PDB file of N, CA and C in Angstrom:
ATOM      1  N   MET A   1      37.336   7.834  16.356  1.00  0.00           N
ATOM      2  CA  MET A   1      36.541   7.814  15.146  1.00  0.00           C
ATOM      3  C   MET A   1      36.061   9.226  14.825  1.00  0.00           C
ATOM      4  N   ASP A   2      36.229   9.652  13.646  1.00  0.00           N
ATOM      5  CA  ASP A   2      35.803  10.961  13.231  1.00  0.00           C
ATOM      6  C   ASP A   2      34.336  10.961  12.976  1.00  0.00           C
ATOM      7  N   ARG A   3      33.560  11.630  13.831  1.00  0.00           N
ATOM      8  CA  ARG A   3      32.120  11.595  13.758  1.00  0.00           C
ATOM      9  C   ARG A   3      31.643  12.209  12.430  1.00  0.00           C
ATOM     10  N   ASN A   4      32.230  13.324  11.977  1.00  0.00           N
ATOM     11  CA  ASN A   4      31.803  13.939  10.745  1.00  0.00           C
ATOM     12  C   ASN A   4      32.015  12.980   9.569  1.00  0.00           C
ATOM     13  N   LYS A   5      33.061  12.235   9.644  1.00  0.00           N
ATOM     14  CA  LYS A   5      33.327  11.260   8.565  1.00  0.00           C
ATOM     15  C   LYS A   5      32.271  10.193   8.527  1.00  0.00           C
ATOM     16  N   SER A   6      31.884   9.656   9.662  1.00  0.00           N
ATOM     17  CA  SER A   6      30.895   8.574   9.723  1.00  0.00           C
ATOM     18  C   SER A   6      29.482   9.126   9.260  1.00  0.00           C
ATOM     19  N   VAL A   7      29.089  10.301   9.680  1.00  0.00           N
ATOM     20  CA  VAL A   7      27.856  10.908   9.235  1.00  0.00           C
ATOM     21  C   VAL A   7      27.893  11.119   7.769  1.00  0.00           C
ATOM     22  N   SER A   8      29.001  11.620   7.272  1.00  0.00           N
ATOM     23  CA  SER A   8      29.133  11.879   5.838  1.00  0.00           C
ATOM     24  C   SER A   8      29.076  10.560   5.072  1.00  0.00           C
ATOM     25  N   ASP A   9      29.747   9.547   5.547  1.00  0.00           N
ATOM     26  CA  ASP A   9      29.693   8.240   4.889  1.00  0.00           C
ATOM     27  C   ASP A   9      28.267   7.720   4.825  1.00  0.00           C
ATOM     28  N   PHE A  10      27.568   7.819   5.965  1.00  0.00           N
ATOM     29  CA  PHE A  10      26.187   7.349   6.054  1.00  0.00           C
ATOM     30  C   PHE A  10      25.341   8.117   5.044  1.00  0.00           C
ATOM     31  N   MET A  11      25.406   9.409   4.994  1.00  0.00           N
ATOM     32  CA  MET A  11      24.591  10.200   4.095  1.00  0.00           C
ATOM     33  C   MET A  11      24.919   9.858   2.660  1.00  0.00           C
ATOM     34  N   ASN A  12      26.161   9.695   2.347  1.00  0.00           N
ATOM     35  CA  ASN A  12      26.557   9.338   0.966  1.00  0.00           C
ATOM     36  C   ASN A  12      26.002   7.988   0.563  1.00  0.00           C
ATOM     37  N   SER A  13      26.067   7.015   1.489  1.00  0.00           N
ATOM     38  CA  SER A  13      25.521   5.698   1.158  1.00  0.00           C
ATOM     39  C   SER A  13      24.018   5.749   1.053  1.00  0.00           C
ATOM     40  N   PHE A  14      23.364   6.588   1.874  1.00  0.00           N
ATOM     41  CA  PHE A  14      21.974   6.783   1.797  1.00  0.00           C
ATOM     42  C   PHE A  14      21.553   7.367   0.433  1.00  0.00           C
ATOM     43  N   LEU A  15      22.262   8.398   0.027  1.00  0.00           N
ATOM     44  CA  LEU A  15      21.987   9.043  -1.263  1.00  0.00           C
ATOM     45  C   LEU A  15      22.257   8.113  -2.462  1.00  0.00           C
ATOM     46  N   ALA A  16      23.190   7.198  -2.257  1.00  0.00           N
ATOM     47  CA  ALA A  16      23.533   6.289  -3.375  1.00  0.00           C
ATOM     48  C   ALA A  16      22.572   5.124  -3.464  1.00  0.00           C
ATOM     49  N   THR A  17      21.729   4.945  -2.495  1.00  0.00           N
ATOM     50  CA  THR A  17      20.726   3.839  -2.500  1.00  0.00           C
ATOM     51  C   THR A  17      19.682   4.107  -3.586  1.00  0.00           C
ATOM     52  N   PRO A  18      19.454   3.165  -4.457  1.00  0.00           N
ATOM     53  CA  PRO A  18      18.469   3.389  -5.530  1.00  0.00           C
ATOM     54  C   PRO A  18      17.053   3.522  -4.959  1.00  0.00           C
ATOM     55  N   GLU A  19      16.279   4.349  -5.554  1.00  0.00           N
ATOM     56  CA  GLU A  19      14.862   4.478  -5.146  1.00  0.00           C
ATOM     57  C   GLU A  19      14.129   3.198  -5.436  1.00  0.00           C
ATOM     58  N   PRO A  20      13.161   2.866  -4.556  1.00  0.00           N
ATOM     59  CA  PRO A  20      12.368   1.682  -4.855  1.00  0.00           C
ATOM     60  C   PRO A  20      11.474   1.936  -6.058  1.00  0.00           C
ATOM     61  N   GLU A  21      11.203   0.914  -6.790  1.00  0.00           N
ATOM     62  CA  GLU A  21      10.327   1.049  -7.963  1.00  0.00           C
ATOM     63  C   GLU A  21       8.909   1.260  -7.476  1.00  0.00           C
ATOM     64  N   LEU A  22       8.248   2.200  -8.101  1.00  0.00           N
ATOM     65  CA  LEU A  22       6.873   2.458  -7.784  1.00  0.00           C
ATOM     66  C   LEU A  22       5.965   1.568  -8.653  1.00  0.00           C
ATOM     67  N   ASP A  23       4.903   1.114  -8.056  1.00  0.00           N
ATOM     68  CA  ASP A  23       3.938   0.290  -8.822  1.00  0.00           C
ATOM     69  C   ASP A  23       2.906   1.243  -9.412  1.00  0.00           C
ATOM     70  N   ASN A  24       3.205   1.758 -10.600  1.00  0.00           N
ATOM     71  CA  ASN A  24       2.295   2.717 -11.211  1.00  0.00           C
ATOM     72  C   ASN A  24       0.914   2.112 -11.486  1.00  0.00           C
ATOM     73  N   GLU A  25       0.848   0.857 -11.780  1.00  0.00           N
ATOM     74  CA  GLU A  25      -0.462   0.191 -11.980  1.00  0.00           C
ATOM     75  C   GLU A  25      -1.279   0.295 -10.708  1.00  0.00           C
ATOM     76  N   TYR A  26      -0.651   0.036  -9.578  1.00  0.00           N
ATOM     77  CA  TYR A  26      -1.406   0.167  -8.311  1.00  0.00           C
ATOM     78  C   TYR A  26      -1.984   1.547  -8.115  1.00  0.00           C
ATOM     79  N   TYR A  27      -1.147   2.548  -8.377  1.00  0.00           N
ATOM     80  CA  TYR A  27      -1.639   3.943  -8.137  1.00  0.00           C
ATOM     81  C   TYR A  27      -2.715   4.323  -9.129  1.00  0.00           C
ATOM     82  N   GLU A  28      -2.667   3.807 -10.364  1.00  0.00           N
ATOM     83  CA  GLU A  28      -3.718   4.087 -11.365  1.00  0.00           C
ATOM     84  C   GLU A  28      -5.033   3.422 -10.894  1.00  0.00           C
ATOM     85  N   ILE A  29      -4.951   2.173 -10.464  1.00  0.00           N
ATOM     86  CA  ILE A  29      -6.148   1.478 -10.001  1.00  0.00           C
ATOM     87  C   ILE A  29      -6.689   2.134  -8.755  1.00  0.00           C
ATOM     88  N   GLU A  30      -5.819   2.532  -7.841  1.00  0.00           N
ATOM     89  CA  GLU A  30      -6.307   3.159  -6.616  1.00  0.00           C
ATOM     90  C   GLU A  30      -6.936   4.552  -6.945  1.00  0.00           C
ATOM     91  N   LYS A  31      -6.426   5.227  -7.941  1.00  0.00           N
ATOM     92  CA  LYS A  31      -7.026   6.500  -8.331  1.00  0.00           C
ATOM     93  C   LYS A  31      -8.497   6.268  -8.800  1.00  0.00           C
ATOM     94  N   GLN A  32      -8.708   5.209  -9.582  1.00  0.00           N
ATOM     95  CA  GLN A  32     -10.035   4.867 -10.025  1.00  0.00           C
ATOM     96  C   GLN A  32     -10.930   4.484  -8.849  1.00  0.00           C
ATOM     97  N   TYR A  33     -10.337   3.705  -7.918  1.00  0.00           N
ATOM     98  CA  TYR A  33     -11.030   3.298  -6.705  1.00  0.00           C
ATOM     99  C   TYR A  33     -11.499   4.529  -5.912  1.00  0.00           C
ATOM    100  N   ILE A  34     -10.657   5.509  -5.753  1.00  0.00           N
ATOM    101  CA  ILE A  34     -10.975   6.729  -5.034  1.00  0.00           C
ATOM    102  C   ILE A  34     -12.107   7.473  -5.745  1.00  0.00           C
ATOM    103  N   GLN A  35     -12.045   7.539  -7.055  1.00  0.00           N
ATOM    104  CA  GLN A  35     -13.056   8.214  -7.820  1.00  0.00           C
ATOM    105  C   GLN A  35     -14.435   7.546  -7.641  1.00  0.00           C
ATOM    106  N   HIS A  36     -14.446   6.203  -7.582  1.00  0.00           N
ATOM    107  CA  HIS A  36     -15.699   5.437  -7.442  1.00  0.00           C
ATOM    108  C   HIS A  36     -16.244   5.544  -6.006  1.00  0.00           C
ATOM    109  N   PHE A  37     -15.377   5.386  -5.017  1.00  0.00           N
ATOM    110  CA  PHE A  37     -15.847   5.220  -3.654  1.00  0.00           C
ATOM    111  C   PHE A  37     -15.553   6.372  -2.686  1.00  0.00           C
ATOM    112  N   GLY A  38     -14.781   7.360  -3.139  1.00  0.00           N
ATOM    113  CA  GLY A  38     -14.568   8.543  -2.355  1.00  0.00           C
ATOM    114  C   GLY A  38     -13.529   8.403  -1.244  1.00  0.00           C
ATOM    115  N   HIS A  39     -12.768   7.332  -1.246  1.00  0.00           N
ATOM    116  CA  HIS A  39     -11.704   7.122  -0.265  1.00  0.00           C
ATOM    117  C   HIS A  39     -10.677   6.160  -0.826  1.00  0.00           C
ATOM    118  N   SER A  40      -9.464   6.244  -0.270  1.00  0.00           N
ATOM    119  CA  SER A  40      -8.408   5.346  -0.714  1.00  0.00           C
ATOM    120  C   SER A  40      -8.493   4.024   0.012  1.00  0.00           C
ATOM    121  N   VAL A  41      -7.621   3.121  -0.379  1.00  0.00           N
ATOM    122  CA  VAL A  41      -7.575   1.796   0.268  1.00  0.00           C
ATOM    123  C   VAL A  41      -6.825   1.952   1.562  1.00  0.00           C
ATOM    124  N   PRO A  42      -7.416   1.611   2.707  1.00  0.00           N
ATOM    125  CA  PRO A  42      -6.688   1.750   3.995  1.00  0.00           C
ATOM    126  C   PRO A  42      -5.689   0.631   4.186  1.00  0.00           C
ATOM    127  N   ARG A  43      -4.553   0.713   3.499  1.00  0.00           N
ATOM    128  CA  ARG A  43      -3.552  -0.348   3.505  1.00  0.00           C
ATOM    129  C   ARG A  43      -3.019  -0.585   4.888  1.00  0.00           C
ATOM    130  N   GLU A  44      -2.972   0.440   5.730  1.00  0.00           N
ATOM    131  CA  GLU A  44      -2.478   0.254   7.060  1.00  0.00           C
ATOM    132  C   GLU A  44      -3.367  -0.661   7.913  1.00  0.00           C
ATOM    133  N   MET A  45      -4.585  -0.884   7.457  1.00  0.00           N
ATOM    134  CA  MET A  45      -5.512  -1.767   8.168  1.00  0.00           C
ATOM    135  C   MET A  45      -5.457  -3.206   7.628  1.00  0.00           C
ATOM    136  N   LEU A  46      -4.678  -3.440   6.626  1.00  0.00           N
ATOM    137  CA  LEU A  46      -4.607  -4.773   5.979  1.00  0.00           C
ATOM    138  C   LEU A  46      -3.371  -5.516   6.522  1.00  0.00           C
ATOM    139  N   PRO A  47      -3.556  -6.783   6.770  1.00  0.00           N
ATOM    140  CA  PRO A  47      -2.409  -7.589   7.215  1.00  0.00           C
ATOM    141  C   PRO A  47      -1.285  -7.618   6.201  1.00  0.00           C
ATOM    142  N   ASP A  48      -0.038  -7.736   6.665  1.00  0.00           N
ATOM    143  CA  ASP A  48       1.101  -7.788   5.753  1.00  0.00           C
ATOM    144  C   ASP A  48       1.042  -8.971   4.846  1.00  0.00           C
ATOM    145  N   SER A  49       0.314 -10.014   5.197  1.00  0.00           N
ATOM    146  CA  SER A  49       0.235 -11.250   4.389  1.00  0.00           C
ATOM    147  C   SER A  49      -0.515 -10.997   3.068  1.00  0.00           C
ATOM    148  N   ILE A  50      -1.252  -9.922   2.962  1.00  0.00           N
ATOM    149  CA  ILE A  50      -1.997  -9.602   1.724  1.00  0.00           C
ATOM    150  C   ILE A  50      -1.044  -8.821   0.782  1.00  0.00           C
ATOM    151  N   SER A  51      -0.821  -9.368  -0.366  1.00  0.00           N
ATOM    152  CA  SER A  51       0.144  -8.798  -1.323  1.00  0.00           C
ATOM    153  C   SER A  51      -0.467  -7.607  -2.061  1.00  0.00           C
ATOM    154  N   MET A  52       0.376  -6.793  -2.618  1.00  0.00           N
ATOM    155  CA  MET A  52      -0.103  -5.647  -3.439  1.00  0.00           C
ATOM    156  C   MET A  52      -0.871  -6.160  -4.644  1.00  0.00           C
ATOM    157  N   GLU A  53      -0.448  -7.323  -5.150  1.00  0.00           N
ATOM    158  CA  GLU A  53      -1.145  -7.906  -6.335  1.00  0.00           C
ATOM    159  C   GLU A  53      -2.565  -8.310  -5.926  1.00  0.00           C
ATOM    160  N   GLN A  54      -2.717  -8.871  -4.749  1.00  0.00           N
ATOM    161  CA  GLN A  54      -4.096  -9.206  -4.272  1.00  0.00           C
ATOM    162  C   GLN A  54      -4.945  -7.959  -4.132  1.00  0.00           C
ATOM    163  N   ILE A  55      -4.357  -6.912  -3.546  1.00  0.00           N
ATOM    164  CA  ILE A  55      -5.096  -5.663  -3.356  1.00  0.00           C
ATOM    165  C   ILE A  55      -5.516  -5.115  -4.663  1.00  0.00           C
ATOM    166  N   LYS A  56      -4.617  -5.126  -5.675  1.00  0.00           N
ATOM    167  CA  LYS A  56      -4.919  -4.589  -7.004  1.00  0.00           C
ATOM    168  C   LYS A  56      -6.079  -5.372  -7.600  1.00  0.00           C
ATOM    169  N   GLN A  57      -6.063  -6.691  -7.544  1.00  0.00           N
ATOM    170  CA  GLN A  57      -7.092  -7.516  -8.084  1.00  0.00           C
ATOM    171  C   GLN A  57      -8.454  -7.245  -7.440  1.00  0.00           C
ATOM    172  N   VAL A  58      -8.464  -7.097  -6.143  1.00  0.00           N
ATOM    173  CA  VAL A  58      -9.701  -6.828  -5.421  1.00  0.00           C
ATOM    174  C   VAL A  58     -10.205  -5.402  -5.714  1.00  0.00           C
ATOM    175  N   MET A  59      -9.350  -4.442  -5.816  1.00  0.00           N
ATOM    176  CA  MET A  59      -9.780  -3.074  -6.176  1.00  0.00           C
ATOM    177  C   MET A  59     -10.462  -3.133  -7.535  1.00  0.00           C
ATOM    178  N   LYS A  60      -9.859  -3.866  -8.493  1.00  0.00           N
ATOM    179  CA  LYS A  60     -10.468  -3.974  -9.830  1.00  0.00           C
ATOM    180  C   LYS A  60     -11.882  -4.608  -9.741  1.00  0.00           C
ATOM    181  N   LYS A  61     -12.003  -5.664  -8.935  1.00  0.00           N
ATOM    182  CA  LYS A  61     -13.322  -6.305  -8.747  1.00  0.00           C
ATOM    183  C   LYS A  61     -14.332  -5.340  -8.179  1.00  0.00           C
ATOM    184  N   CYS A  62     -13.921  -4.527  -7.197  1.00  0.00           N
ATOM    185  CA  CYS A  62     -14.811  -3.566  -6.568  1.00  0.00           C
ATOM    186  C   CYS A  62     -15.258  -2.527  -7.581  1.00  0.00           C
ATOM    187  N   ILE A  63     -14.326  -2.043  -8.411  1.00  0.00           N
ATOM    188  CA  ILE A  63     -14.647  -1.014  -9.385  1.00  0.00           C
ATOM    189  C   ILE A  63     -15.603  -1.584 -10.429  1.00  0.00           C
ATOM    190  N   LEU A  64     -15.319  -2.798 -10.930  1.00  0.00           N
ATOM    191  CA  LEU A  64     -16.198  -3.394 -11.939  1.00  0.00           C
ATOM    192  C   LEU A  64     -17.570  -3.704 -11.411  1.00  0.00           C
ATOM    193  N   SER A  65     -17.664  -4.149 -10.179  1.00  0.00           N
ATOM    194  CA  SER A  65     -18.987  -4.465  -9.577  1.00  0.00           C
ATOM    195  C   SER A  65     -19.672  -3.274  -8.981  1.00  0.00           C
ATOM    196  N   GLU A  66     -18.920  -2.105  -8.906  1.00  0.00           N
ATOM    197  CA  GLU A  66     -19.409  -0.881  -8.298  1.00  0.00           C
ATOM    198  C   GLU A  66     -19.844  -1.132  -6.848  1.00  0.00           C
ATOM    199  N   THR A  67     -19.143  -2.029  -6.143  1.00  0.00           N
ATOM    200  CA  THR A  67     -19.468  -2.395  -4.778  1.00  0.00           C
ATOM    201  C   THR A  67     -18.156  -2.272  -3.988  1.00  0.00           C
ATOM    202  N   ASP A  68     -18.210  -1.462  -2.908  1.00  0.00           N
ATOM    203  CA  ASP A  68     -17.046  -1.267  -2.080  1.00  0.00           C
ATOM    204  C   ASP A  68     -17.016  -2.350  -1.004  1.00  0.00           C
ATOM    205  N   ASN A  69     -16.629  -3.575  -1.383  1.00  0.00           N
ATOM    206  CA  ASN A  69     -16.518  -4.661  -0.444  1.00  0.00           C
ATOM    207  C   ASN A  69     -15.120  -5.227  -0.408  1.00  0.00           C
ATOM    208  N   LEU A  70     -14.135  -4.342  -0.406  1.00  0.00           N
ATOM    209  CA  LEU A  70     -12.730  -4.701  -0.441  1.00  0.00           C
ATOM    210  C   LEU A  70     -12.390  -5.609   0.732  1.00  0.00           C
ATOM    211  N   PHE A  71     -12.773  -5.227   1.971  1.00  0.00           N
ATOM    212  CA  PHE A  71     -12.428  -6.073   3.121  1.00  0.00           C
ATOM    213  C   PHE A  71     -13.020  -7.461   3.033  1.00  0.00           C
ATOM    214  N   GLU A  72     -14.274  -7.501   2.610  1.00  0.00           N
ATOM    215  CA  GLU A  72     -14.940  -8.781   2.462  1.00  0.00           C
ATOM    216  C   GLU A  72     -14.184  -9.704   1.447  1.00  0.00           C
ATOM    217  N   LEU A  73     -13.841  -9.107   0.315  1.00  0.00           N
ATOM    218  CA  LEU A  73     -13.145  -9.904  -0.713  1.00  0.00           C
ATOM    219  C   LEU A  73     -11.753 -10.345  -0.268  1.00  0.00           C
ATOM    220  N   LEU A  74     -11.118  -9.529   0.571  1.00  0.00           N
ATOM    221  CA  LEU A  74      -9.805  -9.916   1.097  1.00  0.00           C
ATOM    222  C   LEU A  74      -9.926 -10.757   2.378  1.00  0.00           C
ATOM    223  N   ARG A  75     -11.140 -10.998   2.789  1.00  0.00           N
ATOM    224  CA  ARG A  75     -11.436 -11.799   4.000  1.00  0.00           C
ATOM    225  C   ARG A  75     -10.803 -11.183   5.248  1.00  0.00           C
ATOM    226  N   VAL A  76     -10.931  -9.838   5.327  1.00  0.00           N
ATOM    227  CA  VAL A  76     -10.452  -9.136   6.487  1.00  0.00           C
ATOM    228  C   VAL A  76     -11.679  -8.651   7.266  1.00  0.00           C
ATOM    229  N   THR A  77     -11.657  -8.983   8.577  1.00  0.00           N
ATOM    230  CA  THR A  77     -12.734  -8.561   9.460  1.00  0.00           C
ATOM    231  C   THR A  77     -12.218  -7.615  10.474  1.00  0.00           C
ATOM    232  N   ILE A  78     -12.925  -6.515  10.649  1.00  0.00           N
ATOM    233  CA  ILE A  78     -12.507  -5.511  11.610  1.00  0.00           C
ATOM    234  C   ILE A  78     -13.544  -5.418  12.704  1.00  0.00           C
ATOM    235  N   ASN A  79     -13.083  -5.500  13.953  1.00  0.00           N
ATOM    236  CA  ASN A  79     -13.998  -5.270  15.074  1.00  0.00           C
ATOM    237  C   ASN A  79     -13.309  -4.389  16.054  1.00  0.00           C
ATOM    238  N   ASP A  80     -13.892  -4.152  17.196  1.00  0.00           N
ATOM    239  CA  ASP A  80     -13.312  -3.246  18.167  1.00  0.00           C
ATOM    240  C   ASP A  80     -12.075  -3.723  18.832  1.00  0.00           C
ATOM    241  N   ASP A  81     -11.848  -5.032  18.828  1.00  0.00           N
ATOM    242  CA  ASP A  81     -10.726  -5.612  19.556  1.00  0.00           C
ATOM    243  C   ASP A  81      -9.577  -6.147  18.681  1.00  0.00           C
ATOM    244  N   TYR A  82      -9.882  -6.687  17.536  1.00  0.00           N
ATOM    245  CA  TYR A  82      -8.858  -7.395  16.729  1.00  0.00           C
ATOM    246  C   TYR A  82      -9.023  -7.099  15.240  1.00  0.00           C
ATOM    247  N   LEU A  83      -7.920  -7.248  14.532  1.00  0.00           N
ATOM    248  CA  LEU A  83      -7.931  -7.177  13.112  1.00  0.00           C
ATOM    249  C   LEU A  83      -7.559  -8.592  12.614  1.00  0.00           C
ATOM    250  N   TYR A  84      -8.421  -9.172  11.774  1.00  0.00           N
ATOM    251  CA  TYR A  84      -8.204 -10.525  11.283  1.00  0.00           C
ATOM    252  C   TYR A  84      -7.783 -10.491   9.827  1.00  0.00           C
TER     253      TYR A  84
END
């Protein structure tokens, strides 16, 4: 097997892969969230079961209420041992 050929094939297929669509609405809402609360949404701390749509809706609620209770609204509890 020609190693250069396989690497070249891989890189070409990688370059030909379409870019994922960005959720511009999410980034606009998050920008407002950051302006209000001084930090971004810690998505890495949220379970995968929470959708981007849910996060967007909760960010909007936090902004409108001027209360940074994102975890509470998403029913996420953080303690020293577990993430729920």
